[in-house]
Amino acid sequence: MIKPDGSPGPRKDTVIVLPMRAVAVDLVADTPRDWMLHCHNGYHMDAGMMTQLDYTT
């Protein structure tokens, strides 16, 4: 995660994103495939709070 001042933030695989907000991250893409990015609450996924990251070489 990148802090608003551009410095590195905590290193983690789960980030809380508030409604109508964005989060900048650095991504190490070393495993090509399709990845689903989502909220872990089923009702949130049903409401569209997910997307797909497609990484190919």
Protein backbone atom coordinates (compact mmCIF):
# COMPACT_ATOMS: atom_id res chain seq x y z
CA MET A 1 0.00 0.00 0.00
CA ILE A 2 1.24 3.49 -0.79
CA LYS A 3 0.61 6.31 1.71
CA PRO A 4 -0.79 9.63 0.43
CA ASP A 5 2.71 11.16 0.69
CA GLY A 6 4.07 8.47 -1.69
CA SER A 7 5.97 6.49 0.93
CA PRO A 8 5.46 2.75 1.44
CA GLY A 9 2.69 1.80 3.83
CA PRO A 10 2.02 -1.49 5.59
CA ARG A 11 2.69 -4.66 3.61
CA LYS A 12 -0.48 -6.73 3.61
CA ASP A 13 -2.84 -8.60 1.30
CA THR A 14 -6.08 -7.11 2.62
CA VAL A 15 -6.84 -3.40 2.37
CA ILE A 16 -9.96 -1.64 3.61
CA VAL A 17 -11.28 0.72 0.93
CA LEU A 18 -13.97 3.10 2.09
CA PRO A 19 -16.95 3.89 -0.17
CA MET A 20 -16.14 6.26 -3.04
CA ARG A 21 -12.40 6.09 -2.25
CA ALA A 22 -9.36 4.69 -4.04
CA VAL A 23 -6.20 2.99 -2.80
CA ALA A 24 -2.82 2.93 -4.59
CA VAL A 25 -0.75 -0.24 -4.28
CA ASP A 26 2.52 -1.62 -5.61
CA LEU A 27 1.99 -5.06 -7.12
CA VAL A 28 4.60 -7.75 -7.71
CA ALA A 29 3.11 -9.61 -10.68
CA ASP A 30 5.07 -12.86 -10.79
CA THR A 31 2.32 -15.45 -11.28
CA PRO A 32 0.48 -14.97 -14.61
CA ARG A 33 -3.22 -15.86 -14.52
CA ASP A 34 -6.60 -14.28 -13.85
CA TRP A 35 -7.04 -13.07 -10.26
CA MET A 36 -10.28 -12.09 -8.59
CA LEU A 37 -10.11 -9.07 -6.29
CA HIS A 38 -13.05 -8.92 -3.95
CA CYS A 39 -14.55 -8.26 -0.60
CA HIS A 40 -14.79 -11.37 1.56
CA ASN A 41 -18.45 -10.79 2.45
CA GLY A 42 -20.72 -12.76 0.12
CA TYR A 43 -23.41 -10.07 0.08
CA HIS A 44 -20.79 -7.49 -0.93
CA MET A 45 -19.69 -9.66 -3.86
CA ASP A 46 -23.35 -9.99 -4.88
CA ALA A 47 -23.54 -6.18 -4.84
CA GLY A 48 -20.63 -5.92 -7.29
CA MET A 49 -17.76 -5.17 -4.94
CA MET A 50 -15.28 -7.22 -6.91
CA THR A 51 -13.20 -7.02 -10.04
CA GLN A 52 -10.75 -9.15 -11.97
CA LEU A 53 -7.04 -8.58 -12.54
CA ASP A 54 -5.78 -10.31 -15.69
CA TYR A 55 -2.01 -10.77 -15.76
CA THR A 56 -0.28 -12.40 -18.73
CA THR A 57 3.35 -12.48 -19.81
